[in-house]
Protein backbone atom coordinates (compact mmCIF):
# COMPACT_ATOMS: atom_id res chain seq x y z
CA MET A 1 0.00 0.00 0.00
CA ASN A 2 1.29 3.47 -0.82
CA SER A 3 1.98 5.91 1.97
CA PRO A 4 -0.77 8.51 2.35
CA ILE A 5 -0.29 11.81 0.57
CA THR A 6 0.30 14.75 2.90
CA PRO A 7 -1.74 17.95 2.54
CA GLN A 8 1.41 19.84 1.53
CA ASP A 9 2.34 17.28 -1.16
CA PHE A 10 -1.23 17.29 -2.39
CA LEU A 11 -1.33 21.09 -2.76
CA GLU A 12 2.10 21.25 -4.40
CA GLN A 13 1.17 18.61 -6.97
CA VAL A 14 -2.22 20.19 -7.69
CA LEU A 15 -0.63 23.61 -8.19
CA GLN A 16 1.70 22.13 -10.81
CA ILE A 17 -1.29 21.29 -13.02
CA GLN A 18 -1.63 24.23 -15.41
CA ARG A 19 -4.59 23.08 -17.53
CA MET A 20 -7.52 20.75 -17.02
CA GLU A 21 -10.27 19.47 -19.25
CA HIS A 22 -12.52 16.51 -18.62
CA GLY A 23 -13.86 14.20 -21.25
CA SER A 24 -12.44 12.08 -24.01
CA LEU A 25 -11.31 12.67 -27.56
CA SER A 26 -12.87 10.80 -30.43
CA VAL A 27 -12.13 10.85 -34.14
CA ILE A 28 -15.14 12.12 -36.08
CA ARG A 29 -13.65 11.60 -39.55
CA GLN A 30 -10.45 11.49 -41.57
CA GLY A 31 -9.49 14.60 -43.47
CA PRO A 32 -6.77 15.34 -46.04
CA ASN A 33 -4.40 16.51 -43.28
CA GLY A 34 -5.31 13.85 -40.70
CA PRO A 35 -8.20 13.06 -38.37
CA TYR A 36 -10.73 15.56 -37.04
CA TYR A 37 -11.54 15.29 -33.33
CA ASN A 38 -14.40 15.99 -30.96
CA LEU A 39 -14.05 16.38 -27.21
CA ASN A 40 -16.93 14.58 -25.52
CA SER A 41 -17.83 15.32 -21.91
CA TRP A 42 -20.81 14.94 -19.61
CA GLU A 43 -22.00 18.25 -18.19
CA GLU A 44 -25.22 19.19 -16.46
CA GLY A 45 -26.84 15.88 -17.28
CA ALA A 46 -26.08 15.91 -21.00
CA ASN A 47 -23.28 14.89 -23.34
CA GLN A 48 -21.40 17.89 -24.71
CA CYS A 49 -19.36 17.67 -27.92
CA ARG A 50 -16.76 20.26 -28.88
CA TYR A 51 -14.82 20.31 -32.11
CA ILE A 52 -11.04 20.37 -31.53
CA PRO A 53 -8.89 21.90 -34.29
CA GLN A 54 -5.84 19.82 -35.18
CA ASP A 55 -3.42 22.51 -34.03
CA LYS A 56 -5.03 22.48 -30.52
CA LEU A 57 -5.00 18.70 -30.13
CA PRO A 58 -1.71 18.42 -28.11
CA GLU A 59 -2.85 21.11 -25.67
CA VAL A 60 -6.25 19.49 -25.19
CA GLN A 61 -4.58 16.11 -24.60
CA GLN A 62 -2.36 17.69 -21.92
CA ALA A 63 -5.42 19.31 -20.33
CA ILE A 64 -7.21 15.94 -20.22
CA GLU A 65 -4.12 14.38 -18.61
CA GLY A 66 -4.09 17.27 -16.11
CA TYR A 67 -7.68 16.57 -15.12
CA GLN A 68 -6.93 12.85 -14.77
CA LYS A 69 -3.92 13.66 -12.57
CA PHE A 70 -6.06 15.99 -10.43
CA HIS A 71 -8.68 13.27 -10.04
CA GLN A 72 -6.04 10.70 -9.02
CA LEU A 73 -4.52 13.10 -6.49
CA THR A 74 -7.85 13.92 -4.89
CA GLN A 75 -8.77 10.23 -4.67
CA ALA A 76 -5.42 9.40 -3.04
CA TYR A 77 -5.69 12.31 -0.61
CA ALA A 78 -9.29 11.44 0.31
CA GLN A 79 -8.36 7.78 0.91
CA GLY A 80 -5.49 8.86 3.16
CA VAL A 81 -7.78 11.11 5.20
CA VAL A 82 -10.37 8.31 5.52
CA GLU A 83 -7.70 5.86 6.74
CA GLN A 84 -6.35 8.43 9.20
CA THR A 85 -9.86 9.13 10.51
CA ARG A 86 -10.59 5.44 10.97
CA ALA A 87 -7.28 4.95 12.78
CA GLU A 88 -7.91 7.91 15.11
CA LEU A 89 -11.44 6.77 15.90
CA GLY A 90 -10.49 3.11 16.20
CA ILE A 91 -12.98 2.09 13.53
CA GLY A 92 -12.17 -1.22 11.91
CA VAL A 93 -13.96 -3.92 10.00
CA LYS A 94 -15.14 -6.65 12.28
CA LYS A 95 -16.29 -9.80 10.61
CA LYS A 96 -18.84 -11.84 12.49
CA PRO A 97 -18.31 -15.60 12.50
CA ARG A 98 -20.92 -17.24 10.33
CA SER A 99 -23.13 -19.88 11.82
CA HIS A 100 -23.31 -23.09 9.85
CA LYS A 101 -26.16 -24.41 11.98
CA ASN A 102 -28.99 -23.45 9.62
CA ARG A 103 -27.24 -24.06 6.31
CA ARG A 104 -28.48 -26.80 4.05
CA PRO A 105 -26.15 -29.23 2.31
CA LYS A 106 -25.27 -28.52 -1.31
CA GLY A 107 -27.90 -30.92 -2.54
CA GLY A 108 -30.64 -28.67 -1.14
CA LYS A 109 -32.06 -31.38 1.11
CA THR A 110 -32.54 -30.97 4.81
CA PRO A 111 -30.11 -33.01 6.93
CA ALA A 112 -32.91 -35.38 7.98
CA LEU A 113 -33.97 -35.97 4.38
CA ALA A 114 -30.38 -36.43 3.31
CA ARG A 115 -29.89 -39.10 6.00
CA LEU A 116 -33.07 -40.89 4.94
CA VAL A 117 -32.02 -40.82 1.29
CA CYS A 118 -28.65 -42.31 2.21
CA LEU A 119 -30.35 -45.05 4.20
CA GLU A 120 -32.60 -45.85 1.26
CA GLU A 121 -29.63 -46.07 -1.19
CA ALA A 122 -30.55 -42.74 -2.82
CA ASP A 123 -32.30 -43.90 -5.98
CA GLN A 124 -35.29 -41.96 -7.39
CA ASP A 125 -37.98 -44.06 -5.73
CA SER A 126 -36.24 -44.07 -2.37
CA TYR A 127 -35.82 -40.28 -2.53
CA GLN A 128 -39.57 -39.91 -2.94
CA GLN A 129 -40.22 -42.47 -0.21
CA ALA A 130 -37.85 -40.67 2.14
CA GLU A 131 -39.48 -37.31 1.39
CA GLU A 132 -42.97 -38.77 2.00
CA HIS A 133 -41.76 -40.36 5.22
CA LEU A 134 -40.26 -37.07 6.39
CA ASN A 135 -43.47 -35.19 5.53
CA ALA A 136 -45.48 -37.78 7.45
CA ILE A 137 -43.37 -37.62 10.61
CA ALA A 138 -42.58 -33.89 10.65
CA PRO A 139 -45.34 -31.66 12.02
CA ALA A 140 -46.65 -29.19 9.44
CA ARG A 141 -45.69 -26.23 11.63
CA LEU A 142 -42.00 -27.18 11.30
CA ARG A 143 -42.06 -27.11 7.50
CA PRO A 144 -41.56 -23.72 5.84
CA PRO A 145 -44.83 -22.22 4.56
CA GLY A 146 -45.49 -22.75 0.88
CA ARG A 147 -43.01 -25.60 0.65
CA VAL A 148 -44.18 -28.08 -1.94
CA SER A 149 -42.54 -31.44 -2.29
CA ARG A 150 -41.09 -32.45 -5.62
CA ARG A 151 -43.71 -35.14 -5.99
CA GLN A 152 -46.56 -32.67 -5.26
CA SER A 153 -45.22 -30.26 -7.85
CA LEU A 154 -45.12 -33.07 -10.42
CA ARG A 155 -48.75 -33.92 -9.66
CA HIS A 156 -49.85 -30.34 -10.37
CA ALA A 157 -47.89 -30.08 -13.61
């Protein structure tokens, strides 16, 4: 990680930028002396296009680079201030340990159904038998509302 930029370094580097322009250059067509360019930028909620004469192209490119440099400097300075603030306030990211108690296995079956399927050798018929058995022994209030067994959904199809 880079060391944070100091306010003095930030100001010195910003003051070295002589010209700024935001946007991007695009070729609008080829002419006899080379390409013609437009400067496209987003201002006040709309795309603005400005024709750039060929003799002004190097200066406009430098101005675009100046704006990009300014943007990079402000982002770096802001990140440094945020990190400093968090350090001063003792604010850190604390990850909570995740509970694996309520997670289902990758197959999407409940642990009880998975055990029954294993006991029944896990073929198609035994899966349905195990699911029916589980539905018969589990009280309805323990099943999630709206849960429809695979067999029930096939009956309605």
